[in-house]
Amino acid sequence: MTIVSAFAASAVGAAEIPRTSFYSGNDVHGLCQHDRSSAFAYVAGLYDEAAHAALIVDGFRVPNRSPQNDALVEFALNRIVGYCAPTHATLEQVTDVFCKYLREAPAEQDGLPAILFSQDLTKAWPCPGK
């Protein structure tokens, strides 16, 4: 997250990084168990925001820049979207994968959902060659 923070700070200058989130993994786990529609909505938001963040970070690739720049971009992208979900994956499947992870990893449930989401999908759908 530090790399992304550096990118954001250099691009915006006065941008503030939120220190908390509205939901924890425990909250999302509760949605998975008791409010499936809200779980779908939350997972769709996580997935779409990761795609958005990845596009922004990927924009920091500059032609003829140093390999260090590309390495930083790759590091940030892997932290945001280190997964390669199948192109045919549905929202229901992605939600099932994340809800299963939360159910089976109770010690992790107090974490930030966006980080847990990326870590879980990276395990479930690793990218080829990683």
C-alpha atoms as a PDB file:
ATOM      1  CA  MET A   1       0.000   0.000   0.000  1.00  0.00           C
ATOM      2  CA  THR A   2       2.954   2.322   0.545  1.00  0.00           C
ATOM      3  CA  ILE A   3       3.789   2.308  -3.158  1.00  0.00           C
ATOM      4  CA  VAL A   4       0.219   3.194  -4.084  1.00  0.00           C
ATOM      5  CA  SER A   5       0.257   5.884  -1.404  1.00  0.00           C
ATOM      6  CA  ALA A   6       3.398   7.378  -2.911  1.00  0.00           C
ATOM      7  CA  PHE A   7       1.822   7.395  -6.353  1.00  0.00           C
ATOM      8  CA  ALA A   8      -1.346   8.996  -5.046  1.00  0.00           C
ATOM      9  CA  ALA A   9       0.524  11.607  -3.042  1.00  0.00           C
ATOM     10  CA  SER A  10       2.712  12.587  -5.964  1.00  0.00           C
ATOM     11  CA  ALA A  11      -0.224  12.802  -8.344  1.00  0.00           C
ATOM     12  CA  VAL A  12      -2.633  14.691  -6.136  1.00  0.00           C
ATOM     13  CA  GLY A  13      -0.488  16.338  -3.502  1.00  0.00           C
ATOM     14  CA  ALA A  14      -3.178  17.016  -0.939  1.00  0.00           C
ATOM     15  CA  ALA A  15      -5.030  13.694  -1.156  1.00  0.00           C
ATOM     16  CA  GLU A  16      -5.834  12.108   2.173  1.00  0.00           C
ATOM     17  CA  ILE A  17      -5.590   8.360   2.669  1.00  0.00           C
ATOM     18  CA  PRO A  18      -8.453   6.993   4.774  1.00  0.00           C
ATOM     19  CA  ARG A  19      -7.226   5.338   7.965  1.00  0.00           C
ATOM     20  CA  THR A  20     -10.308   3.175   8.464  1.00  0.00           C
ATOM     21  CA  SER A  21     -12.966   1.436   6.425  1.00  0.00           C
ATOM     22  CA  PHE A  22     -16.702   1.217   6.928  1.00  0.00           C
ATOM     23  CA  TYR A  23     -16.696  -2.577   7.030  1.00  0.00           C
ATOM     24  CA  SER A  24     -14.393  -5.222   8.444  1.00  0.00           C
ATOM     25  CA  GLY A  25     -14.056  -8.786   7.255  1.00  0.00           C
ATOM     26  CA  ASN A  26     -16.386  -9.687  10.137  1.00  0.00           C
ATOM     27  CA  ASP A  27     -19.059  -7.409   8.715  1.00  0.00           C
ATOM     28  CA  VAL A  28     -18.739  -8.889   5.244  1.00  0.00           C
ATOM     29  CA  HIS A  29     -18.810 -12.396   6.720  1.00  0.00           C
ATOM     30  CA  GLY A  30     -22.130 -11.451   8.342  1.00  0.00           C
ATOM     31  CA  LEU A  31     -23.446 -10.270   4.979  1.00  0.00           C
ATOM     32  CA  CYS A  32     -22.387 -13.567   3.432  1.00  0.00           C
ATOM     33  CA  GLN A  33     -24.386 -15.444   6.048  1.00  0.00           C
ATOM     34  CA  HIS A  34     -27.493 -13.299   6.376  1.00  0.00           C
ATOM     35  CA  ASP A  35     -27.851 -10.854   3.475  1.00  0.00           C
ATOM     36  CA  ARG A  36     -26.691 -12.380   0.217  1.00  0.00           C
ATOM     37  CA  SER A  37     -27.837  -9.425  -1.910  1.00  0.00           C
ATOM     38  CA  SER A  38     -25.728  -7.029   0.142  1.00  0.00           C
ATOM     39  CA  ALA A  39     -22.782  -9.444  -0.045  1.00  0.00           C
ATOM     40  CA  PHE A  40     -23.096  -9.420  -3.847  1.00  0.00           C
ATOM     41  CA  ALA A  41     -23.190  -5.621  -3.872  1.00  0.00           C
ATOM     42  CA  TYR A  42     -20.188  -5.318  -1.572  1.00  0.00           C
ATOM     43  CA  VAL A  43     -18.098  -7.827  -3.547  1.00  0.00           C
ATOM     44  CA  ALA A  44     -19.028  -6.103  -6.814  1.00  0.00           C
ATOM     45  CA  GLY A  45     -17.778  -2.846  -5.309  1.00  0.00           C
ATOM     46  CA  LEU A  46     -14.504  -4.454  -4.187  1.00  0.00           C
ATOM     47  CA  TYR A  47     -13.967  -6.017  -7.614  1.00  0.00           C
ATOM     48  CA  ASP A  48     -14.823  -2.869  -9.554  1.00  0.00           C
ATOM     49  CA  GLU A  49     -12.706  -0.634  -7.322  1.00  0.00           C
ATOM     50  CA  ALA A  50      -9.722  -2.977  -7.706  1.00  0.00           C
ATOM     51  CA  ALA A  51     -10.123  -2.746 -11.491  1.00  0.00           C
ATOM     52  CA  HIS A  52     -10.298   1.049 -11.258  1.00  0.00           C
ATOM     53  CA  ALA A  53      -7.235   1.284  -9.005  1.00  0.00           C
ATOM     54  CA  ALA A  54      -5.296  -1.059 -11.279  1.00  0.00           C
ATOM     55  CA  LEU A  55      -6.027   1.157 -14.288  1.00  0.00           C
ATOM     56  CA  ILE A  56      -4.814   4.217 -12.418  1.00  0.00           C
ATOM     57  CA  VAL A  57      -1.629   2.519 -11.207  1.00  0.00           C
ATOM     58  CA  ASP A  58      -0.956   1.081 -14.654  1.00  0.00           C
ATOM     59  CA  GLY A  59      -1.103   4.640 -15.967  1.00  0.00           C
ATOM     60  CA  PHE A  60       2.144   5.335 -14.121  1.00  0.00           C
ATOM     61  CA  ARG A  61       4.010   3.315 -16.729  1.00  0.00           C
ATOM     62  CA  VAL A  62       5.937   5.858 -18.718  1.00  0.00           C
ATOM     63  CA  PRO A  63       7.723   4.980 -21.949  1.00  0.00           C
ATOM     64  CA  ASN A  64      11.510   5.030 -21.638  1.00  0.00           C
ATOM     65  CA  ARG A  65      11.364   5.131 -17.826  1.00  0.00           C
ATOM     66  CA  SER A  66      13.669   3.122 -15.623  1.00  0.00           C
ATOM     67  CA  PRO A  67      13.084  -0.557 -14.887  1.00  0.00           C
ATOM     68  CA  GLN A  68      12.657   0.534 -11.260  1.00  0.00           C
ATOM     69  CA  ASN A  69       9.523   2.417 -12.242  1.00  0.00           C
ATOM     70  CA  ASP A  70       8.092  -0.666 -13.931  1.00  0.00           C
ATOM     71  CA  ALA A  71       9.007  -2.760 -10.897  1.00  0.00           C
ATOM     72  CA  LEU A  72       7.137  -0.345  -8.618  1.00  0.00           C
ATOM     73  CA  VAL A  73       4.107  -0.410 -10.886  1.00  0.00           C
ATOM     74  CA  GLU A  74       4.147  -4.216 -10.997  1.00  0.00           C
ATOM     75  CA  PHE A  75       4.474  -4.388  -7.213  1.00  0.00           C
ATOM     76  CA  ALA A  76       1.490  -2.079  -6.769  1.00  0.00           C
ATOM     77  CA  LEU A  77      -0.600  -3.959  -9.334  1.00  0.00           C
ATOM     78  CA  ASN A  78       0.108  -7.262  -7.630  1.00  0.00           C
ATOM     79  CA  ARG A  79      -1.018  -5.787  -4.311  1.00  0.00           C
ATOM     80  CA  ILE A  80      -4.247  -4.462  -5.835  1.00  0.00           C
ATOM     81  CA  VAL A  81      -5.117  -7.234  -8.295  1.00  0.00           C
ATOM     82  CA  GLY A  82      -2.705 -10.117  -8.007  1.00  0.00           C
ATOM     83  CA  TYR A  83      -5.418 -12.423  -9.268  1.00  0.00           C
ATOM     84  CA  CYS A  84      -6.526 -13.525 -12.720  1.00  0.00           C
ATOM     85  CA  ALA A  85     -10.191 -14.410 -12.373  1.00  0.00           C
ATOM     86  CA  PRO A  86     -11.554 -16.413 -15.292  1.00  0.00           C
ATOM     87  CA  THR A  87     -13.219 -14.197 -17.879  1.00  0.00           C
ATOM     88  CA  HIS A  88     -16.426 -16.199 -17.419  1.00  0.00           C
ATOM     89  CA  ALA A  89     -16.480 -15.798 -13.614  1.00  0.00           C
ATOM     90  CA  THR A  90     -19.788 -14.419 -12.416  1.00  0.00           C
ATOM     91  CA  LEU A  91     -20.457 -12.110  -9.510  1.00  0.00           C
ATOM     92  CA  GLU A  92     -22.035 -15.055  -7.697  1.00  0.00           C
ATOM     93  CA  GLN A  93     -18.875 -17.155  -8.143  1.00  0.00           C
ATOM     94  CA  VAL A  94     -16.563 -14.365  -6.974  1.00  0.00           C
ATOM     95  CA  THR A  95     -18.821 -13.772  -3.972  1.00  0.00           C
ATOM     96  CA  ASP A  96     -18.881 -17.501  -3.185  1.00  0.00           C
ATOM     97  CA  VAL A  97     -15.068 -17.629  -3.275  1.00  0.00           C
ATOM     98  CA  PHE A  98     -14.736 -14.628  -0.951  1.00  0.00           C
ATOM     99  CA  CYS A  99     -17.476 -15.750   1.444  1.00  0.00           C
ATOM    100  CA  LYS A 100     -15.925 -19.225   1.657  1.00  0.00           C
ATOM    101  CA  TYR A 101     -12.577 -17.662   2.501  1.00  0.00           C
ATOM    102  CA  LEU A 102     -14.107 -15.543   5.262  1.00  0.00           C
ATOM    103  CA  ARG A 103     -15.960 -18.549   6.667  1.00  0.00           C
ATOM    104  CA  GLU A 104     -12.837 -20.739   6.684  1.00  0.00           C
ATOM    105  CA  ALA A 105     -10.403 -18.092   7.978  1.00  0.00           C
ATOM    106  CA  PRO A 106     -12.006 -16.659  11.120  1.00  0.00           C
ATOM    107  CA  ALA A 107      -8.651 -15.376  12.391  1.00  0.00           C
ATOM    108  CA  GLU A 108      -8.442 -13.107   9.347  1.00  0.00           C
ATOM    109  CA  GLN A 109     -11.951 -11.677   9.594  1.00  0.00           C
ATOM    110  CA  ASP A 110     -10.966  -8.574  11.519  1.00  0.00           C
ATOM    111  CA  GLY A 111      -8.882  -7.373   8.571  1.00  0.00           C
ATOM    112  CA  LEU A 112      -9.727  -4.859   5.875  1.00  0.00           C
ATOM    113  CA  PRO A 113     -12.031  -6.463   3.312  1.00  0.00           C
ATOM    114  CA  ALA A 114     -10.257  -4.945   0.297  1.00  0.00           C
ATOM    115  CA  ILE A 115      -6.949  -6.502   1.366  1.00  0.00           C
ATOM    116  CA  LEU A 116      -8.545  -9.817   2.312  1.00  0.00           C
ATOM    117  CA  PHE A 117     -10.369  -9.841  -1.029  1.00  0.00           C
ATOM    118  CA  SER A 118      -7.207  -9.377  -3.057  1.00  0.00           C
ATOM    119  CA  GLN A 119      -5.290 -11.976  -1.022  1.00  0.00           C
ATOM    120  CA  ASP A 120      -8.088 -14.515  -1.314  1.00  0.00           C
ATOM    121  CA  LEU A 121      -8.679 -14.109  -5.019  1.00  0.00           C
ATOM    122  CA  THR A 122      -4.924 -14.307  -5.608  1.00  0.00           C
ATOM    123  CA  LYS A 123      -4.954 -17.712  -3.889  1.00  0.00           C
ATOM    124  CA  ALA A 124      -8.104 -18.843  -5.668  1.00  0.00           C
ATOM    125  CA  TRP A 125      -7.144 -17.572  -9.132  1.00  0.00           C
ATOM    126  CA  PRO A 126      -3.391 -17.041  -9.349  1.00  0.00           C
ATOM    127  CA  CYS A 127      -2.090 -15.492 -12.523  1.00  0.00           C
ATOM    128  CA  PRO A 128      -0.127 -17.773 -14.857  1.00  0.00           C
ATOM    129  CA  GLY A 129       3.585 -17.677 -14.184  1.00  0.00           C
ATOM    130  CA  LYS A 130       3.288 -16.484 -10.578  1.00  0.00           C
END
